[in-house]
Amino acid sequence: MSTEAPFEHLIDQTLRAIEDALDASALDIDTHRSGPVLTLEFDDDSKIVINGQEAVRELWVACRAGGFHFRREAGQWLDTRGAGELFACLSRWVSAQGGVAVRLAAGR
């Protein structure tokens, strides 16, 4: 029997961690949550959408930089094409779209 948490629970934990990290940052970003989808809306009306994809066990991120897929490996979400770890990537993308440098980290 697997000791891995159900995927839906992992998605929920991750989206909550993203919301918490954003709350701790200096940026004023509107967040909207609907099930496994978290939308970040910026002052310029641009968005970042983070979407849990249970069927393929991935987190998908759509932002100005493009579309990215993350898989859970060794306790972290890693981009399937080598862009890096989820929170490091989100830090870059949120900084670019928000106009203020931020560093987001899980568990903040």
C-alpha atoms as a PDB file:
ATOM      1  CA  MET A   1       0.000   0.000   0.000  1.00  0.00           C
ATOM      2  CA  SER A   2       1.328   3.437  -0.936  1.00  0.00           C
ATOM      3  CA  THR A   3       2.038   5.957   1.809  1.00  0.00           C
ATOM      4  CA  GLU A   4       1.677   8.826  -0.679  1.00  0.00           C
ATOM      5  CA  ALA A   5      -1.104  11.270   0.116  1.00  0.00           C
ATOM      6  CA  PRO A   6      -3.983  11.264  -2.343  1.00  0.00           C
ATOM      7  CA  PHE A   7      -3.165  13.533  -5.257  1.00  0.00           C
ATOM      8  CA  GLU A   8      -6.141  15.786  -4.590  1.00  0.00           C
ATOM      9  CA  HIS A   9      -4.773  16.448  -1.092  1.00  0.00           C
ATOM     10  CA  LEU A  10      -1.304  17.267  -2.502  1.00  0.00           C
ATOM     11  CA  ILE A  11      -2.862  19.772  -4.896  1.00  0.00           C
ATOM     12  CA  ASP A  12      -4.857  21.382  -2.092  1.00  0.00           C
ATOM     13  CA  GLN A  13      -1.771  21.652   0.142  1.00  0.00           C
ATOM     14  CA  THR A  14       0.293  23.124  -2.686  1.00  0.00           C
ATOM     15  CA  LEU A  15      -2.300  25.716  -3.679  1.00  0.00           C
ATOM     16  CA  ARG A  16      -2.697  26.738  -0.019  1.00  0.00           C
ATOM     17  CA  ALA A  17       1.096  27.059   0.290  1.00  0.00           C
ATOM     18  CA  ILE A  18       1.138  29.312  -2.785  1.00  0.00           C
ATOM     19  CA  GLU A  19      -1.638  31.473  -1.313  1.00  0.00           C
ATOM     20  CA  ASP A  20       0.219  31.686   2.017  1.00  0.00           C
ATOM     21  CA  ALA A  21       3.489  32.618   0.287  1.00  0.00           C
ATOM     22  CA  LEU A  22       1.728  35.345  -1.688  1.00  0.00           C
ATOM     23  CA  ASP A  23       0.071  36.674   1.482  1.00  0.00           C
ATOM     24  CA  ALA A  24       3.537  36.937   3.071  1.00  0.00           C
ATOM     25  CA  SER A  25       4.948  38.814   0.063  1.00  0.00           C
ATOM     26  CA  ALA A  26       4.953  42.563  -0.550  1.00  0.00           C
ATOM     27  CA  LEU A  27       2.717  42.273  -3.612  1.00  0.00           C
ATOM     28  CA  ASP A  28      -0.984  43.017  -3.648  1.00  0.00           C
ATOM     29  CA  ILE A  29      -2.265  40.210  -5.874  1.00  0.00           C
ATOM     30  CA  ASP A  30      -5.885  39.111  -6.097  1.00  0.00           C
ATOM     31  CA  THR A  31      -6.237  35.358  -5.775  1.00  0.00           C
ATOM     32  CA  HIS A  32      -9.275  33.327  -6.751  1.00  0.00           C
ATOM     33  CA  ARG A  33      -9.645  29.640  -5.934  1.00  0.00           C
ATOM     34  CA  SER A  34     -12.108  27.229  -7.496  1.00  0.00           C
ATOM     35  CA  GLY A  35     -11.431  23.583  -6.693  1.00  0.00           C
ATOM     36  CA  PRO A  36      -8.017  22.611  -8.066  1.00  0.00           C
ATOM     37  CA  VAL A  37      -7.568  25.951  -9.877  1.00  0.00           C
ATOM     38  CA  LEU A  38      -5.844  29.003  -8.392  1.00  0.00           C
ATOM     39  CA  THR A  39      -5.863  32.231 -10.409  1.00  0.00           C
ATOM     40  CA  LEU A  40      -3.533  35.112  -9.584  1.00  0.00           C
ATOM     41  CA  GLU A  41      -4.650  38.459 -10.994  1.00  0.00           C
ATOM     42  CA  PHE A  42      -2.297  41.427 -11.229  1.00  0.00           C
ATOM     43  CA  ASP A  43      -2.966  45.185 -11.379  1.00  0.00           C
ATOM     44  CA  ASP A  44      -2.409  45.187 -15.160  1.00  0.00           C
ATOM     45  CA  ASP A  45      -5.143  42.505 -15.522  1.00  0.00           C
ATOM     46  CA  SER A  46      -2.591  39.823 -16.439  1.00  0.00           C
ATOM     47  CA  LYS A  47      -3.044  36.441 -14.790  1.00  0.00           C
ATOM     48  CA  ILE A  48      -1.205  33.341 -13.715  1.00  0.00           C
ATOM     49  CA  VAL A  49      -3.375  30.229 -13.571  1.00  0.00           C
ATOM     50  CA  ILE A  50      -2.274  27.166 -11.583  1.00  0.00           C
ATOM     51  CA  ASN A  51      -4.348  24.084 -12.263  1.00  0.00           C
ATOM     52  CA  GLY A  52      -4.168  20.619 -10.702  1.00  0.00           C
ATOM     53  CA  GLN A  53      -4.499  17.881 -13.319  1.00  0.00           C
ATOM     54  CA  GLU A  54      -5.396  14.720 -11.404  1.00  0.00           C
ATOM     55  CA  ALA A  55      -5.644  12.485 -14.497  1.00  0.00           C
ATOM     56  CA  VAL A  56      -1.953  13.017 -15.336  1.00  0.00           C
ATOM     57  CA  ARG A  57      -0.842  13.807 -11.748  1.00  0.00           C
ATOM     58  CA  GLU A  58       0.573  17.199 -12.676  1.00  0.00           C
ATOM     59  CA  LEU A  59       0.225  20.870 -11.829  1.00  0.00           C
ATOM     60  CA  TRP A  60      -0.094  23.074 -14.890  1.00  0.00           C
ATOM     61  CA  VAL A  61       0.844  26.742 -14.859  1.00  0.00           C
ATOM     62  CA  ALA A  62      -0.146  29.279 -17.513  1.00  0.00           C
ATOM     63  CA  CYS A  63       1.508  32.704 -17.411  1.00  0.00           C
ATOM     64  CA  ARG A  64       3.041  35.297 -19.720  1.00  0.00           C
ATOM     65  CA  ALA A  65       6.206  33.179 -19.921  1.00  0.00           C
ATOM     66  CA  GLY A  66       4.210  30.265 -21.367  1.00  0.00           C
ATOM     67  CA  GLY A  67       2.640  27.011 -20.253  1.00  0.00           C
ATOM     68  CA  PHE A  68       4.432  24.678 -17.838  1.00  0.00           C
ATOM     69  CA  HIS A  69       3.766  21.235 -16.383  1.00  0.00           C
ATOM     70  CA  PHE A  70       5.058  20.191 -12.961  1.00  0.00           C
ATOM     71  CA  ARG A  71       5.284  16.663 -11.522  1.00  0.00           C
ATOM     72  CA  ARG A  72       5.825  15.708  -7.900  1.00  0.00           C
ATOM     73  CA  GLU A  73       9.298  14.168  -7.535  1.00  0.00           C
ATOM     74  CA  ALA A  74      11.341  13.669  -4.367  1.00  0.00           C
ATOM     75  CA  GLY A  75       8.951  15.825  -2.345  1.00  0.00           C
ATOM     76  CA  GLN A  76       8.858  18.815  -4.683  1.00  0.00           C
ATOM     77  CA  TRP A  77       7.107  19.947  -7.847  1.00  0.00           C
ATOM     78  CA  LEU A  78       9.549  19.954 -10.783  1.00  0.00           C
ATOM     79  CA  ASP A  79       8.931  21.235 -14.304  1.00  0.00           C
ATOM     80  CA  THR A  80       8.799  18.388 -16.809  1.00  0.00           C
ATOM     81  CA  ARG A  81      11.020  20.336 -19.244  1.00  0.00           C
ATOM     82  CA  GLY A  82      13.682  21.417 -16.789  1.00  0.00           C
ATOM     83  CA  ALA A  83      12.550  24.961 -15.902  1.00  0.00           C
ATOM     84  CA  GLY A  84      13.025  24.197 -12.198  1.00  0.00           C
ATOM     85  CA  GLU A  85      11.075  23.871  -8.971  1.00  0.00           C
ATOM     86  CA  LEU A  86       7.539  25.284  -8.753  1.00  0.00           C
ATOM     87  CA  PHE A  87       8.110  27.985  -6.108  1.00  0.00           C
ATOM     88  CA  ALA A  88      11.336  29.186  -7.753  1.00  0.00           C
ATOM     89  CA  CYS A  89       9.541  29.437 -11.094  1.00  0.00           C
ATOM     90  CA  LEU A  90       6.542  31.188  -9.546  1.00  0.00           C
ATOM     91  CA  SER A  91       8.908  33.670  -7.889  1.00  0.00           C
ATOM     92  CA  ARG A  92      10.288  34.632 -11.315  1.00  0.00           C
ATOM     93  CA  TRP A  93       6.899  34.805 -13.010  1.00  0.00           C
ATOM     94  CA  VAL A  94       5.133  36.676 -10.195  1.00  0.00           C
ATOM     95  CA  SER A  95       8.047  39.138 -10.015  1.00  0.00           C
ATOM     96  CA  ALA A  96       7.901  39.724 -13.770  1.00  0.00           C
ATOM     97  CA  GLN A  97       4.138  40.196 -13.903  1.00  0.00           C
ATOM     98  CA  GLY A  98       3.865  42.071 -10.603  1.00  0.00           C
ATOM     99  CA  GLY A  99       6.757  44.427 -11.244  1.00  0.00           C
ATOM    100  CA  VAL A 100       8.310  43.812  -7.814  1.00  0.00           C
ATOM    101  CA  ALA A 101      10.953  41.203  -6.995  1.00  0.00           C
ATOM    102  CA  VAL A 102       9.563  38.540  -4.664  1.00  0.00           C
ATOM    103  CA  ARG A 103      10.839  35.209  -3.467  1.00  0.00           C
ATOM    104  CA  LEU A 104       8.094  32.704  -2.772  1.00  0.00           C
ATOM    105  CA  ALA A 105       8.796  29.601  -0.726  1.00  0.00           C
ATOM    106  CA  ALA A 106       6.653  26.728   0.487  1.00  0.00           C
ATOM    107  CA  GLY A 107       5.971  26.719   4.185  1.00  0.00           C
ATOM    108  CA  ARG A 108       6.430  30.429   4.754  1.00  0.00           C
END
